[in-house]
């Protein structure tokens, strides 16, 4: 696992210690992390603060996103994928897509390169959370 995905996992763990959903994200430009974030839906009572959205919010106004890569511990949902497409982020690297298949096809159809690392660490962390918090998880993915 590279240092960027390790930091995304650290962000996911941070969310979990705060009582939130363990999804983390980092934004990288020129081999450096320029922003990081994690799912804060529960912590801030905010429906749209998914991990990728928090990360992009924390990036602020950086001009073009065309030379960035976003890492996420879980395949982005359609809301986050739409933002990735809108900002023309060319590459998404995800920890896993087993517990949530997300919007991979949507991103690929809009020219985004999507790499799924299929990491056991991410799958175990998510499955544990889902098993312990099914109501919150279903709310997060719009299934409640």
N, C-alpha and C. Protein backbone atom coordinates (compact mmCIF):
# COMPACT_ATOMS: atom_id res chain seq x y z
N UNK A 1 0.86 -1.18 0.00
CA UNK A 1 0.00 0.00 0.00
C UNK A 1 0.90 1.24 0.00
N UNK A 2 0.64 2.18 -0.91
CA UNK A 2 1.49 3.37 -0.96
C UNK A 2 1.11 4.36 0.15
N UNK A 3 1.93 5.38 0.30
CA UNK A 3 1.75 6.34 1.41
C UNK A 3 0.45 7.12 1.30
N UNK A 4 -0.06 7.31 0.10
CA UNK A 4 -1.29 8.07 -0.07
C UNK A 4 -2.50 7.27 0.39
N UNK A 5 -2.54 5.99 0.01
CA UNK A 5 -3.64 5.15 0.49
C UNK A 5 -3.53 4.94 2.00
N UNK A 6 -2.30 4.84 2.51
CA UNK A 6 -2.12 4.72 3.96
C UNK A 6 -2.74 5.92 4.67
N UNK A 7 -2.56 7.10 4.12
CA UNK A 7 -3.15 8.29 4.75
C UNK A 7 -4.66 8.28 4.62
N UNK A 8 -5.18 7.81 3.49
CA UNK A 8 -6.64 7.69 3.35
C UNK A 8 -7.18 6.72 4.40
N UNK A 9 -6.49 5.61 4.63
CA UNK A 9 -6.89 4.66 5.67
C UNK A 9 -6.83 5.32 7.04
N UNK A 10 -5.79 6.10 7.29
CA UNK A 10 -5.69 6.83 8.57
C UNK A 10 -6.88 7.78 8.75
N UNK A 11 -7.29 8.42 7.67
CA UNK A 11 -8.45 9.30 7.73
C UNK A 11 -9.72 8.50 8.04
N UNK A 12 -9.85 7.31 7.45
CA UNK A 12 -11.00 6.44 7.72
C UNK A 12 -11.02 6.05 9.20
N UNK A 13 -9.86 5.70 9.72
CA UNK A 13 -9.76 5.33 11.14
C UNK A 13 -10.11 6.53 12.03
N UNK A 14 -9.69 7.70 11.62
CA UNK A 14 -10.03 8.92 12.38
C UNK A 14 -11.54 9.09 12.45
N UNK A 15 -12.21 8.90 11.32
CA UNK A 15 -13.66 9.01 11.31
C UNK A 15 -14.28 8.01 12.28
N UNK A 16 -13.77 6.78 12.26
CA UNK A 16 -14.31 5.74 13.12
C UNK A 16 -14.12 6.11 14.60
N UNK A 17 -12.96 6.66 14.96
CA UNK A 17 -12.73 7.03 16.36
C UNK A 17 -13.62 8.19 16.78
N UNK A 18 -14.09 8.96 15.81
CA UNK A 18 -15.01 10.07 16.10
C UNK A 18 -16.47 9.61 16.12
N UNK A 19 -16.70 8.34 15.89
CA UNK A 19 -18.06 7.80 15.87
C UNK A 19 -18.70 7.82 14.49
N UNK A 20 -17.89 8.07 13.46
CA UNK A 20 -18.42 8.16 12.11
C UNK A 20 -18.10 6.96 11.25
N UNK A 21 -18.49 7.04 10.01
CA UNK A 21 -18.31 5.97 9.03
C UNK A 21 -16.86 5.97 8.58
N UNK A 22 -16.19 4.82 8.58
CA UNK A 22 -14.76 4.77 8.28
C UNK A 22 -14.42 4.84 6.79
N UNK A 23 -14.55 6.03 6.25
CA UNK A 23 -14.17 6.27 4.85
C UNK A 23 -13.26 7.49 4.84
N UNK A 24 -12.08 7.33 4.25
CA UNK A 24 -11.12 8.43 4.18
C UNK A 24 -10.69 8.70 2.77
N UNK A 25 -10.17 9.91 2.56
CA UNK A 25 -9.79 10.34 1.22
C UNK A 25 -8.62 11.32 1.29
N UNK A 26 -7.77 11.29 0.28
CA UNK A 26 -6.72 12.30 0.13
C UNK A 26 -6.65 12.74 -1.32
N UNK A 27 -6.26 13.99 -1.51
CA UNK A 27 -6.07 14.56 -2.84
C UNK A 27 -4.59 14.81 -3.02
N UNK A 28 -4.04 14.34 -4.14
CA UNK A 28 -2.60 14.40 -4.38
C UNK A 28 -2.32 15.19 -5.66
N UNK A 29 -1.29 16.03 -5.58
CA UNK A 29 -0.79 16.75 -6.76
C UNK A 29 0.73 16.72 -6.70
N UNK A 30 1.34 16.37 -7.80
CA UNK A 30 2.80 16.35 -7.90
C UNK A 30 3.45 15.55 -6.78
N UNK A 31 2.86 14.41 -6.44
CA UNK A 31 3.43 13.54 -5.43
C UNK A 31 3.32 14.03 -4.00
N UNK A 32 2.44 15.01 -3.76
CA UNK A 32 2.24 15.55 -2.41
C UNK A 32 0.76 15.60 -2.08
N UNK A 33 0.45 15.30 -0.83
CA UNK A 33 -0.94 15.43 -0.37
C UNK A 33 -1.26 16.90 -0.21
N UNK A 34 -2.31 17.34 -0.90
CA UNK A 34 -2.72 18.75 -0.77
C UNK A 34 -3.99 18.91 0.04
N UNK A 35 -4.69 17.80 0.27
CA UNK A 35 -5.88 17.85 1.12
C UNK A 35 -6.22 16.44 1.57
N UNK A 36 -6.87 16.36 2.71
CA UNK A 36 -7.35 15.08 3.20
C UNK A 36 -8.67 15.30 3.91
N UNK A 37 -9.43 14.23 4.01
CA UNK A 37 -10.72 14.33 4.67
C UNK A 37 -11.27 12.96 4.98
N UNK A 38 -12.38 12.95 5.69
CA UNK A 38 -13.03 11.70 6.02
C UNK A 38 -14.53 11.94 6.16
N UNK A 39 -15.26 10.85 6.10
CA UNK A 39 -16.71 10.93 6.19
C UNK A 39 -17.08 11.56 7.54
N UNK A 40 -17.85 12.65 7.49
CA UNK A 40 -18.27 13.37 8.70
C UNK A 40 -19.79 13.50 8.78
N UNK A 41 -20.49 12.66 8.04
CA UNK A 41 -21.95 12.72 8.04
C UNK A 41 -22.54 12.63 9.43
N UNK A 42 -22.06 11.68 10.21
CA UNK A 42 -22.56 11.47 11.56
C UNK A 42 -22.07 12.58 12.48
N UNK A 43 -20.78 12.85 12.46
CA UNK A 43 -20.17 13.81 13.37
C UNK A 43 -20.75 15.22 13.22
N UNK A 44 -21.01 15.63 11.98
CA UNK A 44 -21.48 17.01 11.73
C UNK A 44 -22.94 17.07 11.31
N UNK A 45 -23.62 15.91 11.37
CA UNK A 45 -25.04 15.87 11.00
C UNK A 45 -25.27 16.51 9.63
N UNK A 46 -24.42 16.11 8.67
CA UNK A 46 -24.43 16.72 7.35
C UNK A 46 -24.45 15.61 6.31
N UNK A 47 -25.55 15.49 5.60
CA UNK A 47 -25.78 14.40 4.65
C UNK A 47 -24.75 14.32 3.53
N UNK A 48 -24.13 15.43 3.15
CA UNK A 48 -23.23 15.41 1.99
C UNK A 48 -21.75 15.34 2.35
N UNK A 49 -21.42 15.25 3.62
CA UNK A 49 -20.00 15.22 4.00
C UNK A 49 -19.42 13.81 3.94
N UNK A 50 -19.46 13.24 2.76
CA UNK A 50 -18.78 11.97 2.50
C UNK A 50 -17.27 12.24 2.52
N UNK A 51 -16.47 11.18 2.56
CA UNK A 51 -15.03 11.33 2.65
C UNK A 51 -14.43 12.17 1.53
N UNK A 52 -14.84 11.89 0.30
CA UNK A 52 -14.30 12.63 -0.85
C UNK A 52 -14.75 14.09 -0.81
N UNK A 53 -16.00 14.32 -0.42
CA UNK A 53 -16.52 15.69 -0.37
C UNK A 53 -15.78 16.51 0.69
N UNK A 54 -15.51 15.90 1.85
CA UNK A 54 -14.76 16.58 2.90
C UNK A 54 -13.35 16.90 2.42
N UNK A 55 -12.72 15.94 1.75
CA UNK A 55 -11.38 16.15 1.21
C UNK A 55 -11.35 17.31 0.22
N UNK A 56 -12.28 17.32 -0.72
CA UNK A 56 -12.32 18.39 -1.72
C UNK A 56 -12.64 19.73 -1.08
N UNK A 57 -13.52 19.73 -0.09
CA UNK A 57 -13.82 20.96 0.65
C UNK A 57 -12.54 21.48 1.31
N UNK A 58 -11.78 20.58 1.91
CA UNK A 58 -10.55 20.97 2.59
C UNK A 58 -9.46 21.45 1.63
N UNK A 59 -9.56 21.05 0.36
CA UNK A 59 -8.59 21.51 -0.64
C UNK A 59 -8.76 23.00 -0.92
N UNK A 60 -9.96 23.49 -0.75
CA UNK A 60 -10.20 24.91 -1.05
C UNK A 60 -10.11 25.19 -2.53
N UNK A 61 -9.89 26.44 -2.84
CA UNK A 61 -9.80 26.86 -4.24
C UNK A 61 -8.38 26.65 -4.72
N UNK A 62 -8.15 25.57 -5.43
CA UNK A 62 -6.80 25.26 -5.91
C UNK A 62 -6.67 25.49 -7.42
N UNK A 63 -7.66 26.11 -8.00
CA UNK A 63 -7.65 26.27 -9.45
C UNK A 63 -8.07 24.98 -10.10
N UNK A 64 -7.32 24.53 -11.07
CA UNK A 64 -7.65 23.31 -11.79
C UNK A 64 -7.34 22.06 -10.96
N UNK A 65 -8.21 21.07 -11.12
CA UNK A 65 -8.00 19.76 -10.48
C UNK A 65 -7.47 18.75 -11.51
N UNK A 66 -7.21 19.20 -12.74
CA UNK A 66 -6.87 18.30 -13.84
C UNK A 66 -5.56 17.54 -13.63
N UNK A 67 -4.72 18.01 -12.74
CA UNK A 67 -3.44 17.33 -12.49
C UNK A 67 -3.40 16.68 -11.11
N UNK A 68 -4.57 16.29 -10.61
CA UNK A 68 -4.64 15.68 -9.29
C UNK A 68 -5.08 14.23 -9.38
N UNK A 69 -4.89 13.52 -8.29
CA UNK A 69 -5.38 12.15 -8.13
C UNK A 69 -6.09 12.12 -6.78
N UNK A 70 -7.27 11.54 -6.73
CA UNK A 70 -7.96 11.40 -5.46
C UNK A 70 -7.95 9.93 -5.05
N UNK A 71 -7.61 9.72 -3.81
CA UNK A 71 -7.61 8.39 -3.19
C UNK A 71 -8.80 8.31 -2.26
N UNK A 72 -9.46 7.16 -2.23
CA UNK A 72 -10.56 6.94 -1.31
C UNK A 72 -10.52 5.49 -0.86
N UNK A 73 -10.84 5.26 0.39
CA UNK A 73 -10.82 3.89 0.90
C UNK A 73 -11.97 3.06 0.35
N UNK A 74 -12.99 3.71 -0.20
CA UNK A 74 -14.16 3.02 -0.74
C UNK A 74 -14.54 3.64 -2.08
N UNK A 75 -15.06 2.83 -2.98
CA UNK A 75 -15.48 3.34 -4.29
C UNK A 75 -16.46 4.49 -4.10
N UNK A 76 -16.22 5.63 -4.73
CA UNK A 76 -17.12 6.78 -4.57
C UNK A 76 -18.55 6.49 -5.02
N UNK A 77 -19.49 7.10 -4.32
CA UNK A 77 -20.90 7.04 -4.68
C UNK A 77 -21.14 7.99 -5.86
N UNK A 78 -22.37 8.05 -6.33
CA UNK A 78 -22.67 8.92 -7.47
C UNK A 78 -22.51 10.41 -7.14
N UNK A 79 -22.80 10.81 -5.92
CA UNK A 79 -22.62 12.22 -5.54
C UNK A 79 -21.14 12.59 -5.63
N UNK A 80 -20.30 11.77 -5.02
CA UNK A 80 -18.86 12.06 -5.03
C UNK A 80 -18.29 11.89 -6.43
N UNK A 81 -18.74 10.87 -7.15
CA UNK A 81 -18.28 10.66 -8.52
C UNK A 81 -18.67 11.83 -9.42
N UNK A 82 -19.86 12.37 -9.21
CA UNK A 82 -20.28 13.54 -9.99
C UNK A 82 -19.37 14.73 -9.75
N UNK A 83 -18.95 14.91 -8.53
CA UNK A 83 -18.03 16.00 -8.20
C UNK A 83 -16.66 15.75 -8.83
N UNK A 84 -16.20 14.51 -8.79
CA UNK A 84 -14.93 14.15 -9.42
C UNK A 84 -14.99 14.44 -10.92
N UNK A 85 -16.07 14.06 -11.56
CA UNK A 85 -16.24 14.32 -13.00
C UNK A 85 -16.33 15.83 -13.24
N UNK A 86 -17.13 16.54 -12.44
CA UNK A 86 -17.30 17.99 -12.61
C UNK A 86 -15.96 18.72 -12.53
N UNK A 87 -15.10 18.32 -11.57
CA UNK A 87 -13.81 19.00 -11.39
C UNK A 87 -12.73 18.45 -12.33
N UNK A 88 -13.11 17.45 -13.13
CA UNK A 88 -12.19 16.85 -14.10
C UNK A 88 -10.95 16.23 -13.45
N UNK A 89 -11.17 15.60 -12.30
CA UNK A 89 -10.09 14.85 -11.65
C UNK A 89 -9.88 13.60 -12.50
N UNK A 90 -8.68 13.42 -13.05
CA UNK A 90 -8.50 12.35 -14.05
C UNK A 90 -8.34 10.94 -13.51
N UNK A 91 -8.02 10.82 -12.20
CA UNK A 91 -7.70 9.48 -11.69
C UNK A 91 -8.20 9.33 -10.26
N UNK A 92 -8.82 8.18 -10.01
CA UNK A 92 -9.32 7.83 -8.68
C UNK A 92 -8.71 6.47 -8.32
N UNK A 93 -8.12 6.40 -7.14
CA UNK A 93 -7.57 5.14 -6.65
C UNK A 93 -8.35 4.78 -5.39
N UNK A 94 -8.96 3.61 -5.41
CA UNK A 94 -9.83 3.22 -4.29
C UNK A 94 -9.28 1.98 -3.58
N UNK A 95 -9.58 1.93 -2.28
CA UNK A 95 -9.16 0.79 -1.48
C UNK A 95 -9.96 -0.45 -1.76
N UNK A 96 -11.26 -0.28 -2.00
CA UNK A 96 -12.11 -1.45 -2.27
C UNK A 96 -13.46 -1.04 -2.81
N UNK A 97 -14.11 -2.01 -3.45
CA UNK A 97 -15.46 -1.80 -3.98
C UNK A 97 -16.36 -2.99 -3.71
N UNK A 98 -15.95 -3.87 -2.80
CA UNK A 98 -16.74 -5.06 -2.49
C UNK A 98 -17.94 -4.71 -1.62
N UNK A 99 -17.72 -3.93 -0.57
CA UNK A 99 -18.83 -3.60 0.32
C UNK A 99 -19.76 -2.55 -0.28
N UNK A 100 -19.27 -1.81 -1.28
CA UNK A 100 -20.10 -0.82 -1.97
C UNK A 100 -19.52 -0.63 -3.36
N UNK A 101 -20.29 -0.98 -4.38
CA UNK A 101 -19.76 -0.93 -5.75
C UNK A 101 -19.68 0.49 -6.30
N UNK A 102 -20.47 1.40 -5.75
CA UNK A 102 -20.36 2.81 -6.12
C UNK A 102 -20.62 3.11 -7.57
N UNK A 103 -19.92 4.12 -8.06
CA UNK A 103 -20.19 4.69 -9.39
C UNK A 103 -18.99 4.57 -10.33
N UNK A 104 -18.32 3.43 -10.29
CA UNK A 104 -17.14 3.23 -11.13
C UNK A 104 -17.47 3.43 -12.61
N UNK A 105 -18.51 2.75 -13.08
CA UNK A 105 -18.86 2.81 -14.50
C UNK A 105 -19.15 4.25 -14.93
N UNK A 106 -19.86 5.00 -14.08
CA UNK A 106 -20.15 6.40 -14.37
C UNK A 106 -18.86 7.20 -14.56
N UNK A 107 -17.91 7.02 -13.65
CA UNK A 107 -16.65 7.77 -13.75
C UNK A 107 -15.87 7.35 -15.00
N UNK A 108 -15.76 6.05 -15.24
CA UNK A 108 -15.04 5.56 -16.41
C UNK A 108 -15.68 6.09 -17.69
N UNK A 109 -17.01 6.09 -17.75
CA UNK A 109 -17.72 6.61 -18.93
C UNK A 109 -17.49 8.10 -19.14
N UNK A 110 -17.02 8.79 -18.11
CA UNK A 110 -16.72 10.22 -18.22
C UNK A 110 -15.21 10.47 -18.26
N UNK A 111 -14.44 9.46 -18.59
CA UNK A 111 -13.01 9.63 -18.84
C UNK A 111 -12.11 9.56 -17.62
N UNK A 112 -12.65 9.15 -16.47
CA UNK A 112 -11.84 9.05 -15.26
C UNK A 112 -11.21 7.65 -15.21
N UNK A 113 -9.92 7.60 -14.95
CA UNK A 113 -9.26 6.32 -14.73
C UNK A 113 -9.53 5.89 -13.29
N UNK A 114 -10.06 4.70 -13.11
CA UNK A 114 -10.40 4.20 -11.77
C UNK A 114 -9.58 2.94 -11.51
N UNK A 115 -8.81 2.98 -10.43
CA UNK A 115 -7.99 1.83 -10.04
C UNK A 115 -8.51 1.33 -8.69
N UNK A 116 -8.91 0.08 -8.65
CA UNK A 116 -9.43 -0.54 -7.43
C UNK A 116 -8.34 -1.47 -6.88
N UNK A 117 -7.80 -1.12 -5.71
CA UNK A 117 -6.72 -1.89 -5.11
C UNK A 117 -7.20 -3.16 -4.39
N UNK A 118 -8.50 -3.26 -4.14
CA UNK A 118 -9.09 -4.44 -3.51
C UNK A 118 -8.35 -4.83 -2.22
N UNK A 119 -8.20 -3.87 -1.33
CA UNK A 119 -7.43 -4.07 -0.10
C UNK A 119 -8.26 -4.71 1.00
N UNK A 120 -7.77 -5.80 1.53
CA UNK A 120 -8.45 -6.48 2.63
C UNK A 120 -8.67 -5.56 3.81
N UNK A 121 -7.68 -4.74 4.14
CA UNK A 121 -7.81 -3.84 5.29
C UNK A 121 -9.03 -2.93 5.15
N UNK A 122 -9.25 -2.42 3.98
CA UNK A 122 -10.40 -1.54 3.75
C UNK A 122 -11.71 -2.33 3.80
N UNK A 123 -11.71 -3.53 3.22
CA UNK A 123 -12.92 -4.35 3.22
C UNK A 123 -13.32 -4.75 4.64
N UNK A 124 -12.35 -5.17 5.44
CA UNK A 124 -12.63 -5.60 6.81
C UNK A 124 -13.16 -4.43 7.64
N UNK A 125 -12.52 -3.27 7.50
CA UNK A 125 -12.94 -2.09 8.25
C UNK A 125 -14.38 -1.71 7.90
N UNK A 126 -14.72 -1.70 6.62
CA UNK A 126 -16.07 -1.34 6.21
C UNK A 126 -17.09 -2.39 6.63
N UNK A 127 -16.78 -3.66 6.44
CA UNK A 127 -17.74 -4.70 6.77
C UNK A 127 -18.04 -4.72 8.26
N UNK A 128 -17.03 -4.50 9.08
CA UNK A 128 -17.23 -4.43 10.52
C UNK A 128 -18.18 -3.29 10.87
N UNK A 129 -17.94 -2.14 10.25
CA UNK A 129 -18.80 -0.98 10.51
C UNK A 129 -20.24 -1.26 10.07
N UNK A 130 -20.40 -1.80 8.88
CA UNK A 130 -21.73 -2.09 8.34
C UNK A 130 -22.47 -3.09 9.24
N UNK A 131 -21.76 -4.13 9.68
CA UNK A 131 -22.38 -5.12 10.56
C UNK A 131 -22.84 -4.51 11.87
N UNK A 132 -22.07 -3.57 12.40
CA UNK A 132 -22.38 -2.96 13.69
C UNK A 132 -23.34 -1.77 13.59
N UNK A 133 -23.43 -1.15 12.40
CA UNK A 133 -24.22 0.07 12.23
C UNK A 133 -25.02 0.04 10.94
N UNK A 134 -25.84 -0.97 10.72
CA UNK A 134 -26.54 -1.08 9.43
C UNK A 134 -27.46 0.11 9.14
N UNK A 135 -28.13 0.65 10.14
CA UNK A 135 -29.03 1.78 9.91
C UNK A 135 -28.26 3.01 9.41
N UNK A 136 -27.17 3.31 10.06
CA UNK A 136 -26.37 4.49 9.66
C UNK A 136 -25.78 4.27 8.27
N UNK A 137 -25.29 3.07 7.98
CA UNK A 137 -24.73 2.77 6.67
C UNK A 137 -25.80 2.92 5.59
N UNK A 138 -26.97 2.33 5.81
CA UNK A 138 -28.03 2.42 4.81
C UNK A 138 -28.46 3.87 4.58
N UNK A 139 -28.45 4.65 5.62
CA UNK A 139 -28.73 6.08 5.50
C UNK A 139 -27.66 6.75 4.62
N UNK A 140 -26.41 6.38 4.83
CA UNK A 140 -25.28 6.98 4.09
C UNK A 140 -25.40 6.73 2.59
N UNK A 141 -25.85 5.54 2.22
CA UNK A 141 -25.94 5.20 0.80
C UNK A 141 -27.34 5.40 0.23
N UNK A 142 -28.22 6.05 1.00
CA UNK A 142 -29.55 6.37 0.50
C UNK A 142 -30.52 5.21 0.48
N UNK A 143 -30.27 4.19 1.29
CA UNK A 143 -31.12 3.01 1.29
C UNK A 143 -32.06 2.97 2.49
N UNK A 144 -32.08 4.00 3.31
CA UNK A 144 -32.92 3.96 4.52
C UNK A 144 -34.37 4.27 4.23
